[in-house]
Amino acid sequence: MKEEFFEEGTEIISSNEQCKQLIFVVQGHIELQIYNSFGEIYILDTLVQGDIIGMYSILFNEGFLFTAMAKNSVRVLSLDRDF
């Protein structure tokens, strides 16, 4: 596992990016966002400690349908797909 830190406003995952790892939220808040047809941001969810990003995408070898942004200082642990 790899430990990573992200500051507020940092893009952690880009929409359509291929899922190559599971991301475990250890500290902070991560906002899952999509853009509507007018380019406006729509908030899908806010993840907190204990949440996981990529469970389904990694199983089905799909890209992310959302952008993940750090809402504050965030600490995550990531586990590469090749585990």
Protein backbone atom coordinates (compact mmCIF):
# COMPACT_ATOMS: atom_id res chain seq x y z
CA MET A 1 0.00 0.00 0.00
CA LYS A 2 1.10 3.51 -0.74
CA GLU A 3 0.29 6.51 1.43
CA GLU A 4 -0.57 9.76 -0.36
CA PHE A 5 -1.51 13.27 0.76
CA PHE A 6 -3.61 15.82 -1.16
CA GLU A 7 -4.25 19.46 -0.33
CA GLU A 8 -7.65 21.16 -0.61
CA GLY A 9 -8.73 21.63 -4.23
CA THR A 10 -6.43 18.93 -5.62
CA GLU A 11 -7.91 16.59 -8.24
CA ILE A 12 -7.31 13.05 -7.01
CA ILE A 13 -9.06 11.20 -9.85
CA SER A 14 -10.14 12.46 -13.27
CA SER A 15 -13.38 11.46 -14.94
CA ASN A 16 -12.82 8.65 -17.49
CA GLU A 17 -9.43 7.80 -15.97
CA GLN A 18 -8.85 4.03 -15.95
CA CYS A 19 -9.07 2.53 -12.47
CA LYS A 20 -5.65 1.13 -11.54
CA GLN A 21 -5.96 1.11 -7.76
CA LEU A 22 -8.27 1.01 -4.78
CA ILE A 23 -8.17 4.19 -2.72
CA PHE A 24 -8.96 4.09 0.99
CA VAL A 25 -9.83 7.41 2.64
CA VAL A 26 -7.87 7.66 5.89
CA GLN A 27 -8.39 11.33 6.71
CA GLY A 28 -10.25 14.27 5.20
CA HIS A 29 -13.15 14.70 2.79
CA ILE A 30 -13.26 13.86 -0.91
CA GLU A 31 -16.01 15.22 -3.13
CA LEU A 32 -17.18 13.12 -6.09
CA GLN A 33 -18.24 15.45 -8.94
CA ILE A 34 -19.61 15.26 -12.45
CA TYR A 35 -20.24 18.06 -14.93
CA ASN A 36 -23.66 18.49 -16.51
CA SER A 37 -24.22 19.45 -20.15
CA PHE A 38 -23.92 23.14 -19.20
CA GLY A 39 -20.51 22.63 -17.62
CA GLU A 40 -21.86 23.06 -14.10
CA ILE A 41 -20.53 20.89 -11.28
CA TYR A 42 -22.92 18.40 -9.72
CA ILE A 43 -21.87 16.84 -6.39
CA LEU A 44 -22.58 13.09 -6.27
CA ASP A 45 -21.25 12.38 -2.80
CA THR A 46 -18.71 13.39 -0.18
CA LEU A 47 -16.44 10.61 1.05
CA VAL A 48 -14.97 10.49 4.55
CA GLN A 49 -12.67 8.30 6.62
CA GLY A 50 -13.35 4.62 5.93
CA ASP A 51 -14.79 5.10 2.43
CA ILE A 52 -13.24 3.39 -0.59
CA ILE A 53 -12.93 4.60 -4.20
CA GLY A 54 -12.68 2.14 -7.07
CA MET A 55 -14.32 -1.04 -5.78
CA TYR A 56 -16.56 -1.57 -8.80
CA SER A 57 -14.36 0.09 -11.40
CA ILE A 58 -11.41 -2.15 -10.58
CA LEU A 59 -13.55 -5.32 -10.64
CA PHE A 60 -15.10 -4.54 -14.01
CA ASN A 61 -11.99 -2.89 -15.51
CA GLU A 62 -13.80 0.39 -16.15
CA GLY A 63 -12.90 4.05 -16.01
CA PHE A 64 -14.20 6.42 -13.35
CA LEU A 65 -17.44 8.23 -14.14
CA PHE A 66 -16.61 11.10 -11.79
CA THR A 67 -13.86 13.46 -10.70
CA ALA A 68 -12.64 13.16 -7.10
CA MET A 69 -11.54 16.45 -5.48
CA ALA A 70 -9.97 17.01 -2.07
CA LYS A 71 -12.31 19.19 0.01
CA ASN A 72 -9.61 19.71 2.64
CA SER A 73 -6.30 18.08 3.53
CA VAL A 74 -6.71 14.42 2.59
CA ARG A 75 -4.70 11.33 3.42
CA VAL A 76 -5.34 8.11 1.49
CA LEU A 77 -3.86 4.65 1.16
CA SER A 78 -3.84 3.18 -2.34
CA LEU A 79 -3.56 -0.47 -3.31
CA ASP A 80 -2.45 -1.11 -6.90
CA ARG A 81 -4.55 -3.32 -9.14
CA ASP A 82 -1.68 -5.81 -9.40
CA PHE A 83 -1.93 -6.84 -5.76
